[in-house]
PDB file of all heavy atoms in Angstrom:
ATOM      1  N   SER A   1     -20.959 -27.031 -22.352  1.00  0.00           N
ATOM      2  CA  SER A   1     -22.294 -27.087 -21.746  1.00  0.00           C
ATOM      3  C   SER A   1     -23.351 -27.574 -22.732  1.00  0.00           C
ATOM      4  O   SER A   1     -24.178 -28.431 -22.391  1.00  0.00           O
ATOM      5  CB  SER A   1     -22.678 -25.712 -21.205  1.00  0.00           C
ATOM      6  OG  SER A   1     -21.749 -25.270 -20.240  1.00  0.00           O
ATOM      7  N   VAL A   2     -23.347 -27.032 -23.951  1.00  0.00           N
ATOM      8  CA  VAL A   2     -24.380 -27.447 -24.903  1.00  0.00           C
ATOM      9  C   VAL A   2     -24.103 -28.849 -25.439  1.00  0.00           C
ATOM     10  O   VAL A   2     -25.028 -29.623 -25.708  1.00  0.00           O
ATOM     11  CB  VAL A   2     -24.543 -26.435 -26.061  1.00  0.00           C
ATOM     12  CG1 VAL A   2     -24.893 -25.053 -25.520  1.00  0.00           C
ATOM     13  CG2 VAL A   2     -23.319 -26.357 -26.943  1.00  0.00           C
ATOM     14  N   GLN A   3     -22.825 -29.200 -25.560  1.00  0.00           N
ATOM     15  CA  GLN A   3     -22.470 -30.538 -26.041  1.00  0.00           C
ATOM     16  C   GLN A   3     -22.991 -31.609 -25.090  1.00  0.00           C
ATOM     17  O   GLN A   3     -23.380 -32.706 -25.528  1.00  0.00           O
ATOM     18  CB  GLN A   3     -20.956 -30.644 -26.190  1.00  0.00           C
ATOM     19  CG  GLN A   3     -20.470 -31.933 -26.848  1.00  0.00           C
ATOM     20  CD  GLN A   3     -18.963 -31.983 -26.961  1.00  0.00           C
ATOM     21  OE1 GLN A   3     -18.247 -31.401 -26.141  1.00  0.00           O
ATOM     22  NE2 GLN A   3     -18.462 -32.669 -27.973  1.00  0.00           N
ATOM     23  N   ALA A   4     -23.035 -31.290 -23.803  1.00  0.00           N
ATOM     24  CA  ALA A   4     -23.517 -32.251 -22.804  1.00  0.00           C
ATOM     25  C   ALA A   4     -24.995 -32.565 -22.988  1.00  0.00           C
ATOM     26  O   ALA A   4     -25.478 -33.591 -22.483  1.00  0.00           O
ATOM     27  CB  ALA A   4     -23.267 -31.702 -21.404  1.00  0.00           C
ATOM     28  N   LEU A   5     -25.719 -31.709 -23.694  1.00  0.00           N
ATOM     29  CA  LEU A   5     -27.161 -31.901 -23.895  1.00  0.00           C
ATOM     30  C   LEU A   5     -27.492 -32.531 -25.240  1.00  0.00           C
ATOM     31  O   LEU A   5     -28.671 -32.766 -25.531  1.00  0.00           O
ATOM     32  CB  LEU A   5     -27.882 -30.559 -23.759  1.00  0.00           C
ATOM     33  CG  LEU A   5     -27.760 -29.883 -22.386  1.00  0.00           C
ATOM     34  CD1 LEU A   5     -28.430 -28.517 -22.419  1.00  0.00           C
ATOM     35  CD2 LEU A   5     -28.356 -30.748 -21.297  1.00  0.00           C
ATOM     36  N   GLU A   6     -26.494 -32.793 -26.052  1.00  0.00           N
ATOM     37  CA  GLU A   6     -26.709 -33.385 -27.377  1.00  0.00           C
ATOM     38  C   GLU A   6     -27.561 -34.651 -27.271  1.00  0.00           C
ATOM     39  O   GLU A   6     -27.263 -35.565 -26.490  1.00  0.00           O
ATOM     40  CB  GLU A   6     -25.363 -33.723 -28.017  1.00  0.00           C
ATOM     41  CG  GLU A   6     -25.442 -34.571 -29.276  1.00  0.00           C
ATOM     42  CD  GLU A   6     -25.956 -33.820 -30.492  1.00  0.00           C
ATOM     43  OE1 GLU A   6     -25.648 -32.613 -30.604  1.00  0.00           O
ATOM     44  OE2 GLU A   6     -26.638 -34.440 -31.321  1.00  0.00           O
ATOM     45  N   GLY A   7     -28.640 -34.691 -28.061  1.00  0.00           N
ATOM     46  CA  GLY A   7     -29.485 -35.874 -28.131  1.00  0.00           C
ATOM     47  C   GLY A   7     -30.562 -35.966 -27.072  1.00  0.00           C
ATOM     48  O   GLY A   7     -31.435 -36.843 -27.158  1.00  0.00           O
ATOM     49  N   GLU A   8     -30.524 -35.114 -26.062  1.00  0.00           N
ATOM     50  CA  GLU A   8     -31.568 -35.160 -25.035  1.00  0.00           C
ATOM     51  C   GLU A   8     -32.910 -34.700 -25.618  1.00  0.00           C
ATOM     52  O   GLU A   8     -32.964 -33.911 -26.565  1.00  0.00           O
ATOM     53  CB  GLU A   8     -31.195 -34.278 -23.843  1.00  0.00           C
ATOM     54  CG  GLU A   8     -30.052 -34.827 -23.013  1.00  0.00           C
ATOM     55  CD  GLU A   8     -30.012 -34.223 -21.620  1.00  0.00           C
ATOM     56  OE1 GLU A   8     -31.025 -33.614 -21.187  1.00  0.00           O
ATOM     57  OE2 GLU A   8     -28.973 -34.354 -20.961  1.00  0.00           O
ATOM     58  N   VAL A   9     -33.983 -35.195 -25.031  1.00  0.00           N
ATOM     59  CA  VAL A   9     -35.329 -34.831 -25.461  1.00  0.00           C
ATOM     60  C   VAL A   9     -35.982 -34.005 -24.360  1.00  0.00           C
ATOM     61  O   VAL A   9     -36.051 -34.427 -23.203  1.00  0.00           O
ATOM     62  CB  VAL A   9     -36.176 -36.077 -25.764  1.00  0.00           C
ATOM     63  CG1 VAL A   9     -37.615 -35.678 -26.113  1.00  0.00           C
ATOM     64  CG2 VAL A   9     -35.558 -36.877 -26.913  1.00  0.00           C
ATOM     65  N   VAL A  10     -36.429 -32.808 -24.722  1.00  0.00           N
ATOM     66  CA  VAL A  10     -37.096 -31.896 -23.800  1.00  0.00           C
ATOM     67  C   VAL A  10     -38.413 -31.468 -24.434  1.00  0.00           C
ATOM     68  O   VAL A  10     -38.423 -30.964 -25.563  1.00  0.00           O
ATOM     69  CB  VAL A  10     -36.224 -30.664 -23.486  1.00  0.00           C
ATOM     70  CG1 VAL A  10     -36.976 -29.693 -22.579  1.00  0.00           C
ATOM     71  CG2 VAL A  10     -34.899 -31.068 -22.859  1.00  0.00           C
ATOM     72  N   ALA A  11     -39.496 -31.676 -23.737  1.00  0.00           N
ATOM     73  CA  ALA A  11     -40.831 -31.280 -24.213  1.00  0.00           C
ATOM     74  C   ALA A  11     -41.082 -31.747 -25.652  1.00  0.00           C
ATOM     75  O   ALA A  11     -41.616 -31.015 -26.481  1.00  0.00           O
ATOM     76  CB  ALA A  11     -40.995 -29.759 -24.111  1.00  0.00           C
ATOM     77  N   GLY A  12     -40.683 -32.978 -25.929  1.00  0.00           N
ATOM     78  CA  GLY A  12     -40.946 -33.559 -27.241  1.00  0.00           C
ATOM     79  C   GLY A  12     -40.033 -33.079 -28.350  1.00  0.00           C
ATOM     80  O   GLY A  12     -40.299 -33.358 -29.528  1.00  0.00           O
ATOM     81  N   HIS A  13     -38.945 -32.408 -28.009  1.00  0.00           N
ATOM     82  CA  HIS A  13     -37.985 -31.891 -28.991  1.00  0.00           C
ATOM     83  C   HIS A  13     -36.605 -32.467 -28.689  1.00  0.00           C
ATOM     84  O   HIS A  13     -36.201 -32.535 -27.524  1.00  0.00           O
ATOM     85  CB  HIS A  13     -37.910 -30.369 -28.938  1.00  0.00           C
ATOM     86  CG  HIS A  13     -39.154 -29.680 -29.419  1.00  0.00           C
ATOM     87  ND1 HIS A  13     -40.365 -29.767 -28.757  1.00  0.00           N
ATOM     88  CD2 HIS A  13     -39.365 -28.883 -30.509  1.00  0.00           C
ATOM     89  CE1 HIS A  13     -41.267 -29.044 -29.408  1.00  0.00           C
ATOM     90  NE2 HIS A  13     -40.688 -28.505 -30.461  1.00  0.00           N
ATOM     91  N   ARG A  14     -35.905 -32.841 -29.740  1.00  0.00           N
ATOM     92  CA  ARG A  14     -34.556 -33.373 -29.569  1.00  0.00           C
ATOM     93  C   ARG A  14     -33.521 -32.255 -29.711  1.00  0.00           C
ATOM     94  O   ARG A  14     -33.561 -31.467 -30.663  1.00  0.00           O
ATOM     95  CB  ARG A  14     -34.265 -34.463 -30.600  1.00  0.00           C
ATOM     96  CG  ARG A  14     -32.924 -35.184 -30.349  1.00  0.00           C
ATOM     97  CD  ARG A  14     -32.723 -36.341 -31.313  1.00  0.00           C
ATOM     98  NE  ARG A  14     -33.776 -37.324 -31.216  1.00  0.00           N
ATOM     99  CZ  ARG A  14     -33.867 -38.260 -30.273  1.00  0.00           C
ATOM    100  NH1 ARG A  14     -32.939 -38.319 -29.323  1.00  0.00           N
ATOM    101  NH2 ARG A  14     -34.864 -39.116 -30.264  1.00  0.00           N
ATOM    102  N   ILE A  15     -32.608 -32.188 -28.754  1.00  0.00           N
ATOM    103  CA  ILE A  15     -31.564 -31.160 -28.764  1.00  0.00           C
ATOM    104  C   ILE A  15     -30.429 -31.573 -29.686  1.00  0.00           C
ATOM    105  O   ILE A  15     -29.932 -32.703 -29.619  1.00  0.00           O
ATOM    106  CB  ILE A  15     -31.029 -30.912 -27.347  1.00  0.00           C
ATOM    107  CG1 ILE A  15     -32.122 -30.292 -26.464  1.00  0.00           C
ATOM    108  CG2 ILE A  15     -29.795 -30.012 -27.369  1.00  0.00           C
ATOM    109  CD1 ILE A  15     -31.728 -30.106 -25.011  1.00  0.00           C
ATOM    110  N   VAL A  16     -30.034 -30.654 -30.540  1.00  0.00           N
ATOM    111  CA  VAL A  16     -28.865 -30.822 -31.398  1.00  0.00           C
ATOM    112  C   VAL A  16     -27.879 -29.718 -31.042  1.00  0.00           C
ATOM    113  O   VAL A  16     -28.246 -28.532 -31.021  1.00  0.00           O
ATOM    114  CB  VAL A  16     -29.226 -30.739 -32.887  1.00  0.00           C
ATOM    115  CG1 VAL A  16     -27.972 -30.863 -33.746  1.00  0.00           C
ATOM    116  CG2 VAL A  16     -30.226 -31.831 -33.261  1.00  0.00           C
ATOM    117  N   ALA A  17     -26.646 -30.082 -30.726  1.00  0.00           N
ATOM    118  CA  ALA A  17     -25.619 -29.112 -30.335  1.00  0.00           C
ATOM    119  C   ALA A  17     -24.628 -28.915 -31.471  1.00  0.00           C
ATOM    120  O   ALA A  17     -24.195 -29.882 -32.093  1.00  0.00           O
ATOM    121  CB  ALA A  17     -24.889 -29.591 -29.084  1.00  0.00           C
ATOM    122  N   ARG A  18     -24.268 -27.675 -31.718  1.00  0.00           N
ATOM    123  CA  ARG A  18     -23.280 -27.357 -32.738  1.00  0.00           C
ATOM    124  C   ARG A  18     -22.270 -26.355 -32.185  1.00  0.00           C
ATOM    125  O   ARG A  18     -22.644 -25.448 -31.430  1.00  0.00           O
ATOM    126  CB  ARG A  18     -23.950 -26.760 -33.992  1.00  0.00           C
ATOM    127  CG  ARG A  18     -24.855 -27.744 -34.721  1.00  0.00           C
ATOM    128  CD  ARG A  18     -24.048 -28.847 -35.397  1.00  0.00           C
ATOM    129  NE  ARG A  18     -24.884 -29.934 -35.878  1.00  0.00           N
ATOM    130  CZ  ARG A  18     -25.502 -29.946 -37.048  1.00  0.00           C
ATOM    131  NH1 ARG A  18     -25.401 -28.907 -37.843  1.00  0.00           N
ATOM    132  NH2 ARG A  18     -26.234 -30.978 -37.405  1.00  0.00           N
ATOM    133  N   CYS A  19     -21.015 -26.516 -32.587  1.00  0.00           N
ATOM    134  CA  CYS A  19     -19.952 -25.611 -32.167  1.00  0.00           C
ATOM    135  C   CYS A  19     -19.662 -24.617 -33.282  1.00  0.00           C
ATOM    136  O   CYS A  19     -19.392 -25.017 -34.425  1.00  0.00           O
ATOM    137  CB  CYS A  19     -18.690 -26.401 -31.826  1.00  0.00           C
ATOM    138  SG  CYS A  19     -17.350 -25.390 -31.138  1.00  0.00           S
ATOM    139  N   LEU A  20     -19.740 -23.342 -32.958  1.00  0.00           N
ATOM    140  CA  LEU A  20     -19.465 -22.293 -33.934  1.00  0.00           C
ATOM    141  C   LEU A  20     -18.032 -21.791 -33.773  1.00  0.00           C
ATOM    142  O   LEU A  20     -17.537 -21.660 -32.653  1.00  0.00           O
ATOM    143  CB  LEU A  20     -20.428 -21.114 -33.747  1.00  0.00           C
ATOM    144  CG  LEU A  20     -21.920 -21.412 -33.810  1.00  0.00           C
ATOM    145  CD1 LEU A  20     -22.714 -20.119 -33.610  1.00  0.00           C
ATOM    146  CD2 LEU A  20     -22.301 -22.081 -35.117  1.00  0.00           C
ATOM    147  N   PRO A  21     -17.365 -21.484 -34.878  1.00  0.00           N
ATOM    148  CA  PRO A  21     -16.034 -20.875 -34.776  1.00  0.00           C
ATOM    149  C   PRO A  21     -16.141 -19.436 -34.285  1.00  0.00           C
ATOM    150  O   PRO A  21     -17.134 -18.754 -34.551  1.00  0.00           O
ATOM    151  CB  PRO A  21     -15.507 -20.940 -36.213  1.00  0.00           C
ATOM    152  CG  PRO A  21     -16.732 -20.948 -37.066  1.00  0.00           C
ATOM    153  CD  PRO A  21     -17.786 -21.683 -36.282  1.00  0.00           C
ATOM    154  N   VAL A  22     -15.135 -18.989 -33.567  1.00  0.00           N
ATOM    155  CA  VAL A  22     -15.109 -17.591 -33.117  1.00  0.00           C
ATOM    156  C   VAL A  22     -14.481 -16.759 -34.232  1.00  0.00           C
ATOM    157  O   VAL A  22     -13.366 -16.252 -34.129  1.00  0.00           O
ATOM    158  CB  VAL A  22     -14.356 -17.444 -31.782  1.00  0.00           C
ATOM    159  CG1 VAL A  22     -14.399 -15.995 -31.284  1.00  0.00           C
ATOM    160  CG2 VAL A  22     -14.965 -18.357 -30.726  1.00  0.00           C
ATOM    161  N   GLU A  23     -15.215 -16.687 -35.319  1.00  0.00           N
ATOM    162  CA  GLU A  23     -14.812 -15.945 -36.511  1.00  0.00           C
ATOM    163  C   GLU A  23     -16.061 -15.283 -37.072  1.00  0.00           C
ATOM    164  O   GLU A  23     -17.099 -15.941 -37.214  1.00  0.00           O
ATOM    165  CB  GLU A  23     -14.205 -16.879 -37.558  1.00  0.00           C
ATOM    166  CG  GLU A  23     -12.984 -17.642 -37.075  1.00  0.00           C
ATOM    167  CD  GLU A  23     -12.480 -18.642 -38.111  1.00  0.00           C
ATOM    168  OE1 GLU A  23     -12.818 -18.480 -39.309  1.00  0.00           O
ATOM    169  OE2 GLU A  23     -11.768 -19.581 -37.723  1.00  0.00           O
ATOM    170  N   PHE A  24     -15.957 -14.020 -37.382  1.00  0.00           N
ATOM    171  CA  PHE A  24     -17.135 -13.270 -37.815  1.00  0.00           C
ATOM    172  C   PHE A  24     -17.808 -13.911 -39.025  1.00  0.00           C
ATOM    173  O   PHE A  24     -19.014 -14.177 -39.005  1.00  0.00           O
ATOM    174  CB  PHE A  24     -16.761 -11.812 -38.103  1.00  0.00           C
ATOM    175  CG  PHE A  24     -16.478 -11.022 -36.861  1.00  0.00           C
ATOM    176  CD1 PHE A  24     -15.175 -10.760 -36.474  1.00  0.00           C
ATOM    177  CD2 PHE A  24     -17.509 -10.565 -36.064  1.00  0.00           C
ATOM    178  CE1 PHE A  24     -14.908 -10.047 -35.315  1.00  0.00           C
ATOM    179  CE2 PHE A  24     -17.262  -9.853 -34.901  1.00  0.00           C
ATOM    180  CZ  PHE A  24     -15.950  -9.592 -34.525  1.00  0.00           C
ATOM    181  N   ASP A  25     -17.074 -14.192 -40.065  1.00  0.00           N
ATOM    182  CA  ASP A  25     -17.679 -14.745 -41.276  1.00  0.00           C
ATOM    183  C   ASP A  25     -18.058 -16.205 -41.103  1.00  0.00           C
ATOM    184  O   ASP A  25     -19.182 -16.619 -41.394  1.00  0.00           O
ATOM    185  CB  ASP A  25     -16.720 -14.591 -42.464  1.00  0.00           C
ATOM    186  CG  ASP A  25     -16.541 -13.149 -42.891  1.00  0.00           C
ATOM    187  OD1 ASP A  25     -17.427 -12.316 -42.577  1.00  0.00           O
ATOM    188  OD2 ASP A  25     -15.513 -12.830 -43.521  1.00  0.00           O
ATOM    189  N   ALA A  26     -17.132 -17.012 -40.620  1.00  0.00           N
ATOM    190  CA  ALA A  26     -17.363 -18.458 -40.542  1.00  0.00           C
ATOM    191  C   ALA A  26     -18.466 -18.813 -39.556  1.00  0.00           C
ATOM    192  O   ALA A  26     -19.181 -19.802 -39.758  1.00  0.00           O
ATOM    193  CB  ALA A  26     -16.063 -19.169 -40.170  1.00  0.00           C
TER     194      ALA A  26
END
């Protein structure tokens, strides 16, 4: 879902999407 919004501009802000690992520390 968030990857689909990568690079879109909303209210003058550019969306950057990042994928987090499902790991507590990482």
